[in-house]
Amino acid sequence: MHLNSIDKQFFWCKNIEAKTVKTTLMLFYVIQMKQEEKHTLLRKSLLLAVIAIVVTGLSVSTGIMASPPNQQHTMQSAVTNSQMNGMIKEITKGKVPHPASGSKLMVNAVAKIMNDEDSGYQGYWAIDNFTLNVKIWMEPNETFFFALLYRGTATTYAGVPAPGVNGTENGTGIAHFSGYIAGWFTGKLSTSEATHGFLGTFNYGGTPSFLGPYSSASVPPNAVDWLAVYSPGYSLSSETFSFTYFYDGQVWVDAINVPSAESGNIIVS
């Protein structure tokens, strides 16, 4: 509740007996709290709808079905209008790519990834465990379109930098995230690795001790370049990405078209 609202209510009731003033103010407080709850629910619904559009857009255009995280986190008033506008801009500007008409799906494989390191604006901030869906299409002009779809958890620890533009984590917390990297490359497709089905579990080897500012952090030693697996010596033409993280009512968006100032943050208290 804003102080100026209380002042106006008090001024209106100044000639009423003290008990009446107190009762009236309590009634106004309850009414206003209910109104704020409705506004918060509206913001939650709008953001959920926007995120659903992003994921659905990629699912429809690339044939990937993205399931929601196992644990749904609510989005509270920490999500600002500017953050939602940033995500809307990504959608309305057509930044969710798709393969050209007539493309042939060549790779559709799934892997379980453990102990990857998640990068934020300040440094590596979390250890990721996720399911990765690798899809590659050959387009009619013999270039390749790829889509890497991620869904899993990001665990952060006290003392590491927060993923946003500022802040430090105060404790351990587990965020849920989903997102994609997609784009085009040229090269020759290799079938030495299985092109369909489950590929197995891959431990990238990241540890909490590796996290921190970029100047002092270490990268995971066993990370896999999945495009190189299927096209050794490939040449990347262009790519885009979008990831959304949820933790305890907080949201952080890591997307190519969302400015850092509008990306939100996740800080464990």
Foldseek 3Di string as FASTA:
>chain_A
DDPVVVVVLCVVCVPPDPVVSVVSSVVVVVVVVVVVVVVFVVVQVLQVVLVVCLQVVLCVQAVDDDDAAPDDATAGPLQDPLLSVLSVVCVVVPVNDHADPPWAKFFWEKEWEFQFFDAAPFWTFWGWTWMWTWIWIQHPVRKIKIKIKIWTKTWGAFPAAWRAPGDTAHGIFIKTKIKMKIAIKHADFDPPQPRDYYRYYYYQQHDNVQGHGPVRHDGRNRDDDVVCVTGPPIGGDDMWMWMWIDTNNWIAIDTPRGDRVNGTIDYHD
